[in-house]
């Protein structure tokens, strides 16, 4: 779904959202600023969001030792370090494609985290919309996701 230029009210902060990033499942929209705040939470504190995105809690793979690889200089490093270095070179568009690919191969936690990174960095509303479409899909987000998220972003 494409973002709209119509002025809508953000479901999270209550301010006007233009462009409005559509959240059709929740019959409303998000502003770009709140979408970015959601991204920051996903990147910085994903474990605090497991009631919104339950698949963030899937830590079964964390119980196994991280694979290591040997660099050309002979140094041995964890595979996740090499992957993180490679991802730093990706554009925001490529990170969104990576997030979509993660979903296709069943790496949902990684998909959610990449969508968070896209929201943090996306200046184009269309990219932010793609990330929100994934994050707030019925398969990934709890039915009370917006209400829970509003409380995290704007505690009383």
Protein backbone atom coordinates (compact mmCIF):
# COMPACT_ATOMS: atom_id res chain seq x y z
CA UNK A 1 0.00 0.00 0.00
CA UNK A 2 1.30 3.44 -0.89
CA UNK A 3 1.47 6.30 1.63
CA UNK A 4 -1.03 9.07 0.99
CA UNK A 5 -0.61 12.82 0.98
CA UNK A 6 -4.01 13.28 2.60
CA UNK A 7 -3.77 14.71 6.09
CA UNK A 8 -4.64 11.95 8.52
CA UNK A 9 -4.23 11.66 12.26
CA UNK A 10 -1.37 9.49 13.49
CA UNK A 11 -2.66 6.56 15.56
CA UNK A 12 0.43 6.77 17.76
CA UNK A 13 1.00 10.44 18.59
CA UNK A 14 -2.32 11.96 17.53
CA UNK A 15 -0.71 14.64 15.35
CA UNK A 16 -1.38 15.21 11.69
CA UNK A 17 0.36 12.73 9.44
CA UNK A 18 1.36 14.00 6.03
CA UNK A 19 2.39 11.94 4.28
CA UNK A 20 0.22 9.43 6.05
CA UNK A 21 1.80 6.01 6.30
CA UNK A 22 -1.15 3.66 6.07
CA UNK A 23 -1.93 1.13 8.78
CA UNK A 24 -5.06 -0.41 7.23
CA UNK A 25 -5.24 -3.27 9.72
CA UNK A 26 -5.77 -0.67 12.43
CA UNK A 27 -7.95 1.61 10.27
CA UNK A 28 -5.56 4.54 10.44
CA UNK A 29 -2.13 5.91 9.73
CA UNK A 30 1.23 6.76 11.24
CA UNK A 31 3.28 9.88 10.77
CA UNK A 32 6.87 9.58 9.54
CA UNK A 33 8.20 10.62 12.96
CA UNK A 34 6.39 7.85 14.81
CA UNK A 35 7.42 5.32 12.19
CA UNK A 36 11.01 6.34 12.85
CA UNK A 37 10.48 6.03 16.63
CA UNK A 38 9.14 2.50 16.10
CA UNK A 39 12.27 1.72 14.10
CA UNK A 40 14.52 2.99 16.88
CA UNK A 41 12.72 0.79 19.42
CA UNK A 42 13.08 -2.26 17.19
CA UNK A 43 16.78 -1.62 16.68
CA UNK A 44 17.69 -0.61 20.24
CA UNK A 45 15.29 -2.57 22.47
CA UNK A 46 13.72 -5.47 20.51
CA UNK A 47 13.24 -7.61 23.63
CA UNK A 48 10.89 -4.97 25.07
CA UNK A 49 8.54 -5.45 22.12
CA UNK A 50 7.83 -9.18 22.30
CA UNK A 51 4.21 -8.60 23.32
CA UNK A 52 3.72 -6.62 20.08
CA UNK A 53 5.86 -8.81 17.83
CA UNK A 54 5.99 -12.20 19.60
CA UNK A 55 8.47 -13.62 17.11
CA UNK A 56 11.13 -11.22 18.41
CA UNK A 57 11.31 -13.57 21.40
CA UNK A 58 12.46 -16.50 19.27
CA UNK A 59 15.89 -16.94 20.80
CA UNK A 60 16.35 -20.67 20.17
CA UNK A 61 19.30 -19.97 17.87
CA UNK A 62 20.97 -17.88 20.57
CA UNK A 63 21.47 -21.05 22.61
CA UNK A 64 23.80 -22.47 19.98
CA UNK A 65 27.34 -21.14 19.61
CA UNK A 66 27.79 -18.52 16.90
CA UNK A 67 29.64 -19.87 13.86
CA UNK A 68 33.06 -18.39 13.19
CA UNK A 69 34.82 -17.66 9.92
CA UNK A 70 38.42 -17.02 9.07
CA UNK A 71 39.28 -13.75 7.36
CA UNK A 72 41.88 -13.43 4.63
CA UNK A 73 44.33 -12.05 7.22
CA UNK A 74 43.99 -15.27 9.24
CA UNK A 75 41.94 -13.73 12.04
CA UNK A 76 38.91 -15.74 13.21
CA UNK A 77 35.73 -13.76 13.87
CA UNK A 78 32.07 -14.53 14.51
CA UNK A 79 29.94 -14.82 11.40
CA UNK A 80 27.48 -12.21 12.75
CA UNK A 81 30.30 -9.64 12.79
CA UNK A 82 31.10 -10.26 9.13
CA UNK A 83 27.40 -10.04 8.19
CA UNK A 84 26.99 -6.78 10.13
CA UNK A 85 29.96 -5.30 8.27
CA UNK A 86 28.47 -6.33 4.92
CA UNK A 87 25.05 -4.88 5.82
CA UNK A 88 26.57 -1.48 6.62
CA UNK A 89 27.32 -1.11 2.92
CA UNK A 90 23.69 -1.67 1.87
CA UNK A 91 21.35 1.13 0.81
CA UNK A 92 18.04 1.53 2.61
CA UNK A 93 16.27 0.06 -0.43
CA UNK A 94 18.57 -2.98 -0.33
CA UNK A 95 17.94 -3.38 3.42
CA UNK A 96 14.20 -3.47 2.72
CA UNK A 97 14.77 -6.13 0.06
CA UNK A 98 16.84 -8.05 2.61
CA UNK A 99 14.00 -7.78 5.15
CA UNK A 100 11.55 -9.15 2.59
CA UNK A 101 13.94 -11.99 1.73
CA UNK A 102 14.34 -12.84 5.42
CA UNK A 103 10.57 -13.24 5.61
CA UNK A 104 10.53 -15.52 2.58
CA UNK A 105 13.08 -17.86 4.14
CA UNK A 106 11.52 -17.82 7.60
CA UNK A 107 14.01 -15.63 9.48
CA UNK A 108 11.27 -13.54 11.01
CA UNK A 109 13.20 -12.01 13.90
CA UNK A 110 15.84 -10.80 11.45
CA UNK A 111 13.06 -9.51 9.17
CA UNK A 112 11.54 -7.48 12.00
CA UNK A 113 14.91 -6.03 12.98
CA UNK A 114 15.75 -5.07 9.38
CA UNK A 115 12.37 -3.36 9.05
CA UNK A 116 13.30 -1.36 12.14
CA UNK A 117 16.56 -0.29 10.51
CA UNK A 118 14.68 0.72 7.36
CA UNK A 119 12.29 2.86 9.40
CA UNK A 120 15.19 4.59 11.14
CA UNK A 121 16.95 5.42 7.88
CA UNK A 122 14.15 5.76 5.32
CA UNK A 123 13.62 9.25 4.01
CA UNK A 124 11.28 8.04 1.27
CA UNK A 125 7.73 7.44 2.52
CA UNK A 126 7.33 4.50 0.13
CA UNK A 127 10.17 2.60 1.84
CA UNK A 128 8.79 3.34 5.30
CA UNK A 129 5.39 2.15 4.09
CA UNK A 130 6.85 -1.17 2.91
CA UNK A 131 8.48 -1.70 6.32
CA UNK A 132 5.25 -0.84 8.15
CA UNK A 133 3.28 -3.21 5.90
CA UNK A 134 5.54 -6.04 7.06
CA UNK A 135 5.64 -5.03 10.72
CA UNK A 136 1.90 -4.58 11.15
CA UNK A 137 0.81 -7.61 9.12
CA UNK A 138 -1.63 -9.92 10.92
CA UNK A 139 0.95 -12.73 10.83
CA UNK A 140 3.58 -10.77 12.76
CA UNK A 141 1.91 -8.10 14.90
CA UNK A 142 -0.41 -8.74 17.84
CA UNK A 143 -3.99 -7.43 17.52
CA UNK A 144 -3.29 -4.86 20.26
CA UNK A 145 0.00 -3.82 18.65
CA UNK A 146 -0.87 -0.16 18.11
CA UNK A 147 -2.21 0.30 21.64
CA UNK A 148 0.84 -1.38 23.18
CA UNK A 149 3.20 0.58 20.96
CA UNK A 150 1.53 3.90 21.79
CA UNK A 151 2.17 3.17 25.47
CA UNK A 152 5.85 2.44 24.79
CA UNK A 153 6.41 5.51 22.63
CA UNK A 154 4.42 7.92 24.78
CA UNK A 155 4.26 6.64 28.39
CA UNK A 156 1.74 8.48 30.53
